[in-house]
């Protein structure tokens, strides 16, 4: 299949696919917090809220990284207006390429950029009305810094929060995740 036909890099057409991956993550998180829910764009601070743990999670889907080898982290859109990582209030980001799911704290993303001397670049995606400011990370390097949540080749979810843990144990499990 021609990958160009599958991903469009157009917000309006890619949004439903992003929501699909948010739903996959939500289904997993409901094992920990049955009251977890998607904010459906009503809350720009994060995509999923876990009321039992009192924090939000941002889910970022970047299928194009399978071809480019880079993960794109949005910082400003349009350039000069903070967005993405610069406005998130999510405690964790789950980033997926459709094959692997990793979790990282926003400060872990910033630390990776700093430690690897990543400079922001301007990019205008298909369907964007204005350029945006982004970081491009080598996916292989960045994913190796994050905590693996799921590998779709096996379908196994890895370490995370179990719904049999006490709230204190759940909090400790999330704190133990690497940044």
C-alpha atoms as a PDB file:
ATOM      1  CA  UNK A   1       0.000   0.000   0.000  1.00  0.00           C
ATOM      2  CA  UNK A   2       1.245   3.486  -0.829  1.00  0.00           C
ATOM      3  CA  UNK A   3       1.886   5.216   2.509  1.00  0.00           C
ATOM      4  CA  UNK A   4       1.122   8.597   0.942  1.00  0.00           C
ATOM      5  CA  UNK A   5      -2.453   7.445   0.518  1.00  0.00           C
ATOM      6  CA  UNK A   6      -2.668   6.377   4.156  1.00  0.00           C
ATOM      7  CA  UNK A   7      -1.382   9.431   5.975  1.00  0.00           C
ATOM      8  CA  UNK A   8      -2.201  12.851   4.648  1.00  0.00           C
ATOM      9  CA  UNK A   9      -0.564  15.184   7.139  1.00  0.00           C
ATOM     10  CA  UNK A  10      -3.815  17.145   6.948  1.00  0.00           C
ATOM     11  CA  UNK A  11      -5.366  17.954  10.311  1.00  0.00           C
ATOM     12  CA  UNK A  12      -8.984  17.525   9.245  1.00  0.00           C
ATOM     13  CA  UNK A  13      -8.461  14.118   7.661  1.00  0.00           C
ATOM     14  CA  UNK A  14      -5.878  12.847  10.169  1.00  0.00           C
ATOM     15  CA  UNK A  15      -7.930  13.837  13.235  1.00  0.00           C
ATOM     16  CA  UNK A  16     -10.171  10.728  13.153  1.00  0.00           C
ATOM     17  CA  UNK A  17      -7.105   8.465  13.020  1.00  0.00           C
ATOM     18  CA  UNK A  18      -5.577  10.313  15.962  1.00  0.00           C
ATOM     19  CA  UNK A  19      -8.822   9.808  17.892  1.00  0.00           C
ATOM     20  CA  UNK A  20      -8.607   6.082  17.078  1.00  0.00           C
ATOM     21  CA  UNK A  21      -5.247   5.867  18.863  1.00  0.00           C
ATOM     22  CA  UNK A  22      -6.540   7.952  21.756  1.00  0.00           C
ATOM     23  CA  UNK A  23      -9.334   5.384  22.143  1.00  0.00           C
ATOM     24  CA  UNK A  24      -6.794   2.521  22.250  1.00  0.00           C
ATOM     25  CA  UNK A  25      -4.866   4.294  25.014  1.00  0.00           C
ATOM     26  CA  UNK A  26      -8.096   5.146  26.859  1.00  0.00           C
ATOM     27  CA  UNK A  27      -9.225   1.513  26.775  1.00  0.00           C
ATOM     28  CA  UNK A  28      -5.936   0.533  28.426  1.00  0.00           C
ATOM     29  CA  UNK A  29      -6.134   3.302  31.028  1.00  0.00           C
ATOM     30  CA  UNK A  30      -9.702   2.359  31.994  1.00  0.00           C
ATOM     31  CA  UNK A  31      -8.222  -0.793  33.543  1.00  0.00           C
ATOM     32  CA  UNK A  32      -6.581   1.542  36.048  1.00  0.00           C
ATOM     33  CA  UNK A  33      -9.200   4.247  36.292  1.00  0.00           C
ATOM     34  CA  UNK A  34     -12.627   3.087  35.048  1.00  0.00           C
ATOM     35  CA  UNK A  35     -13.785   6.721  35.033  1.00  0.00           C
ATOM     36  CA  UNK A  36     -11.050   7.877  32.619  1.00  0.00           C
ATOM     37  CA  UNK A  37     -12.434   9.721  29.610  1.00  0.00           C
ATOM     38  CA  UNK A  38     -11.436  11.529  26.416  1.00  0.00           C
ATOM     39  CA  UNK A  39     -11.874  15.278  26.500  1.00  0.00           C
ATOM     40  CA  UNK A  40     -12.907  15.384  22.796  1.00  0.00           C
ATOM     41  CA  UNK A  41     -11.338  18.772  22.171  1.00  0.00           C
ATOM     42  CA  UNK A  42     -13.297  20.361  25.022  1.00  0.00           C
ATOM     43  CA  UNK A  43     -10.112  20.649  27.055  1.00  0.00           C
ATOM     44  CA  UNK A  44      -6.961  21.596  25.172  1.00  0.00           C
ATOM     45  CA  UNK A  45      -4.744  20.791  28.170  1.00  0.00           C
ATOM     46  CA  UNK A  46      -4.785  17.036  27.429  1.00  0.00           C
ATOM     47  CA  UNK A  47      -6.641  14.355  25.473  1.00  0.00           C
ATOM     48  CA  UNK A  48      -7.521  11.948  28.287  1.00  0.00           C
ATOM     49  CA  UNK A  49      -8.325  12.705  31.899  1.00  0.00           C
ATOM     50  CA  UNK A  50      -8.003  10.200  34.740  1.00  0.00           C
ATOM     51  CA  UNK A  51     -10.168  11.595  37.571  1.00  0.00           C
ATOM     52  CA  UNK A  52      -9.178   8.843  39.985  1.00  0.00           C
ATOM     53  CA  UNK A  53      -5.535   9.871  39.668  1.00  0.00           C
ATOM     54  CA  UNK A  54      -6.289  13.542  39.018  1.00  0.00           C
ATOM     55  CA  UNK A  55      -4.147  14.048  35.918  1.00  0.00           C
ATOM     56  CA  UNK A  56      -4.338  14.211  32.148  1.00  0.00           C
ATOM     57  CA  UNK A  57      -2.535  12.440  29.331  1.00  0.00           C
ATOM     58  CA  UNK A  58      -1.760  13.765  25.867  1.00  0.00           C
ATOM     59  CA  UNK A  59      -1.773  11.212  23.040  1.00  0.00           C
ATOM     60  CA  UNK A  60       0.325  11.968  19.975  1.00  0.00           C
ATOM     61  CA  UNK A  61       0.071   9.851  16.836  1.00  0.00           C
ATOM     62  CA  UNK A  62       2.910  10.204  14.304  1.00  0.00           C
ATOM     63  CA  UNK A  63       2.618   7.558  11.613  1.00  0.00           C
ATOM     64  CA  UNK A  64       4.782   9.551   9.213  1.00  0.00           C
ATOM     65  CA  UNK A  65       7.707   8.833  11.538  1.00  0.00           C
ATOM     66  CA  UNK A  66       7.693   5.284  10.134  1.00  0.00           C
ATOM     67  CA  UNK A  67       8.907   6.757   6.831  1.00  0.00           C
ATOM     68  CA  UNK A  68      10.952   9.742   8.015  1.00  0.00           C
ATOM     69  CA  UNK A  69      12.477   8.229  11.149  1.00  0.00           C
ATOM     70  CA  UNK A  70      11.604  11.444  13.006  1.00  0.00           C
ATOM     71  CA  UNK A  71       9.046  12.233  15.690  1.00  0.00           C
ATOM     72  CA  UNK A  72       7.568  15.731  15.382  1.00  0.00           C
ATOM     73  CA  UNK A  73       6.862  17.664  18.583  1.00  0.00           C
ATOM     74  CA  UNK A  74       4.833  20.836  18.040  1.00  0.00           C
ATOM     75  CA  UNK A  75       5.904  23.925  19.985  1.00  0.00           C
ATOM     76  CA  UNK A  76       4.131  26.856  18.292  1.00  0.00           C
ATOM     77  CA  UNK A  77       1.272  27.102  15.815  1.00  0.00           C
ATOM     78  CA  UNK A  78       1.295  29.453  14.103  1.00  0.00           C
ATOM     79  CA  UNK A  79       4.888  30.463  14.770  1.00  0.00           C
ATOM     80  CA  UNK A  80       4.797  32.939  17.653  1.00  0.00           C
ATOM     81  CA  UNK A  81       1.761  31.345  19.354  1.00  0.00           C
ATOM     82  CA  UNK A  82       2.522  28.677  21.923  1.00  0.00           C
ATOM     83  CA  UNK A  83       0.871  25.307  21.316  1.00  0.00           C
ATOM     84  CA  UNK A  84       1.586  21.608  21.760  1.00  0.00           C
ATOM     85  CA  UNK A  85       4.338  20.979  24.278  1.00  0.00           C
ATOM     86  CA  UNK A  86       4.456  24.653  25.270  1.00  0.00           C
ATOM     87  CA  UNK A  87       0.829  24.662  26.443  1.00  0.00           C
ATOM     88  CA  UNK A  88       0.287  21.111  27.660  1.00  0.00           C
ATOM     89  CA  UNK A  89      -0.869  20.488  31.184  1.00  0.00           C
ATOM     90  CA  UNK A  90      -0.747  16.726  30.709  1.00  0.00           C
ATOM     91  CA  UNK A  91       1.302  14.857  33.260  1.00  0.00           C
ATOM     92  CA  UNK A  92       2.339  12.306  30.623  1.00  0.00           C
ATOM     93  CA  UNK A  93       2.479  12.095  26.848  1.00  0.00           C
ATOM     94  CA  UNK A  94       1.806   8.801  25.105  1.00  0.00           C
ATOM     95  CA  UNK A  95       3.404   8.881  21.662  1.00  0.00           C
ATOM     96  CA  UNK A  96       2.678   6.229  19.062  1.00  0.00           C
ATOM     97  CA  UNK A  97       3.726   5.539  15.511  1.00  0.00           C
ATOM     98  CA  UNK A  98       0.923   3.000  15.181  1.00  0.00           C
ATOM     99  CA  UNK A  99       3.331   0.179  16.066  1.00  0.00           C
ATOM    100  CA  UNK A 100       4.786   1.129  19.423  1.00  0.00           C
ATOM    101  CA  UNK A 101       3.353   3.175  22.254  1.00  0.00           C
ATOM    102  CA  UNK A 102       5.744   4.978  24.592  1.00  0.00           C
ATOM    103  CA  UNK A 103       5.098   7.223  27.574  1.00  0.00           C
ATOM    104  CA  UNK A 104       7.151  10.189  28.709  1.00  0.00           C
ATOM    105  CA  UNK A 105       6.671  13.228  30.918  1.00  0.00           C
ATOM    106  CA  UNK A 106       6.692  16.611  29.137  1.00  0.00           C
ATOM    107  CA  UNK A 107       9.841  17.546  31.045  1.00  0.00           C
ATOM    108  CA  UNK A 108      11.438  14.389  29.639  1.00  0.00           C
ATOM    109  CA  UNK A 109      10.706  15.635  26.125  1.00  0.00           C
ATOM    110  CA  UNK A 110      12.303  18.986  26.926  1.00  0.00           C
ATOM    111  CA  UNK A 111      15.309  17.278  28.534  1.00  0.00           C
ATOM    112  CA  UNK A 112      15.811  15.097  25.445  1.00  0.00           C
ATOM    113  CA  UNK A 113      15.847  18.199  23.228  1.00  0.00           C
ATOM    114  CA  UNK A 114      18.307  19.951  25.517  1.00  0.00           C
ATOM    115  CA  UNK A 115      20.632  16.981  26.003  1.00  0.00           C
ATOM    116  CA  UNK A 116      20.753  16.333  22.263  1.00  0.00           C
ATOM    117  CA  UNK A 117      21.063  20.003  21.283  1.00  0.00           C
ATOM    118  CA  UNK A 118      17.879  19.796  19.178  1.00  0.00           C
ATOM    119  CA  UNK A 119      17.039  23.100  17.520  1.00  0.00           C
ATOM    120  CA  UNK A 120      13.488  24.009  16.610  1.00  0.00           C
ATOM    121  CA  UNK A 121      12.622  24.211  12.932  1.00  0.00           C
ATOM    122  CA  UNK A 122       9.757  25.777  11.014  1.00  0.00           C
ATOM    123  CA  UNK A 123       7.481  23.427   9.093  1.00  0.00           C
ATOM    124  CA  UNK A 124       4.278  23.913   7.146  1.00  0.00           C
ATOM    125  CA  UNK A 125       2.304  20.706   6.858  1.00  0.00           C
ATOM    126  CA  UNK A 126      -0.287  19.873   4.222  1.00  0.00           C
ATOM    127  CA  UNK A 127      -3.470  21.647   5.213  1.00  0.00           C
ATOM    128  CA  UNK A 128      -1.686  24.066   7.568  1.00  0.00           C
ATOM    129  CA  UNK A 129      -2.636  27.690   6.997  1.00  0.00           C
ATOM    130  CA  UNK A 130       0.562  28.898   8.677  1.00  0.00           C
ATOM    131  CA  UNK A 131       3.991  27.490   9.499  1.00  0.00           C
ATOM    132  CA  UNK A 132       4.560  25.905  12.907  1.00  0.00           C
ATOM    133  CA  UNK A 133       7.637  25.629  15.093  1.00  0.00           C
ATOM    134  CA  UNK A 134       8.598  22.044  15.932  1.00  0.00           C
ATOM    135  CA  UNK A 135      11.319  19.799  17.223  1.00  0.00           C
ATOM    136  CA  UNK A 136      12.223  16.790  15.101  1.00  0.00           C
ATOM    137  CA  UNK A 137      13.654  13.903  17.125  1.00  0.00           C
ATOM    138  CA  UNK A 138      15.227  10.773  15.708  1.00  0.00           C
ATOM    139  CA  UNK A 139      12.518   8.306  16.646  1.00  0.00           C
ATOM    140  CA  UNK A 140      14.919   5.468  17.442  1.00  0.00           C
ATOM    141  CA  UNK A 141      16.864   7.617  19.916  1.00  0.00           C
ATOM    142  CA  UNK A 142      13.807   9.248  21.455  1.00  0.00           C
ATOM    143  CA  UNK A 143      11.780   6.051  21.851  1.00  0.00           C
ATOM    144  CA  UNK A 144      14.759   4.399  23.548  1.00  0.00           C
ATOM    145  CA  UNK A 145      14.567   7.158  26.210  1.00  0.00           C
ATOM    146  CA  UNK A 146      10.870   6.610  26.836  1.00  0.00           C
ATOM    147  CA  UNK A 147       9.017   3.879  28.671  1.00  0.00           C
ATOM    148  CA  UNK A 148       7.568   1.299  26.259  1.00  0.00           C
ATOM    149  CA  UNK A 149       3.872   0.795  26.894  1.00  0.00           C
ATOM    150  CA  UNK A 150       2.843  -1.437  24.011  1.00  0.00           C
ATOM    151  CA  UNK A 151       4.409  -3.196  21.076  1.00  0.00           C
ATOM    152  CA  UNK A 152       1.750  -4.064  18.507  1.00  0.00           C
ATOM    153  CA  UNK A 153       3.869  -6.874  17.097  1.00  0.00           C
ATOM    154  CA  UNK A 154       3.042  -8.803  20.274  1.00  0.00           C
ATOM    155  CA  UNK A 155      -0.043  -6.886  21.405  1.00  0.00           C
ATOM    156  CA  UNK A 156       1.354  -6.850  24.931  1.00  0.00           C
ATOM    157  CA  UNK A 157       0.967  -3.848  27.194  1.00  0.00           C
ATOM    158  CA  UNK A 158       4.028  -3.513  29.359  1.00  0.00           C
ATOM    159  CA  UNK A 159       4.563  -2.072  32.803  1.00  0.00           C
ATOM    160  CA  UNK A 160       2.098   0.566  33.813  1.00  0.00           C
ATOM    161  CA  UNK A 161      -0.707   0.751  36.271  1.00  0.00           C
ATOM    162  CA  UNK A 162      -2.709  -2.276  37.269  1.00  0.00           C
ATOM    163  CA  UNK A 163      -6.277  -1.919  38.451  1.00  0.00           C
ATOM    164  CA  UNK A 164      -5.459  -4.269  41.341  1.00  0.00           C
ATOM    165  CA  UNK A 165      -2.989  -1.797  42.832  1.00  0.00           C
ATOM    166  CA  UNK A 166      -3.928   0.573  45.621  1.00  0.00           C
ATOM    167  CA  UNK A 167      -4.093   4.263  44.717  1.00  0.00           C
ATOM    168  CA  UNK A 168      -0.739   4.782  46.453  1.00  0.00           C
ATOM    169  CA  UNK A 169       0.810   1.922  44.448  1.00  0.00           C
ATOM    170  CA  UNK A 170      -0.670   3.358  41.246  1.00  0.00           C
ATOM    171  CA  UNK A 171       0.835   6.758  41.965  1.00  0.00           C
ATOM    172  CA  UNK A 172       4.184   5.122  42.673  1.00  0.00           C
ATOM    173  CA  UNK A 173       3.998   3.164  39.406  1.00  0.00           C
ATOM    174  CA  UNK A 174       3.433   6.332  37.406  1.00  0.00           C
ATOM    175  CA  UNK A 175       6.253   8.109  39.245  1.00  0.00           C
ATOM    176  CA  UNK A 176       8.579   5.233  38.431  1.00  0.00           C
ATOM    177  CA  UNK A 177       8.151   5.765  34.695  1.00  0.00           C
ATOM    178  CA  UNK A 178      11.306   7.181  33.190  1.00  0.00           C
ATOM    179  CA  UNK A 179      11.309  10.720  31.867  1.00  0.00           C
END
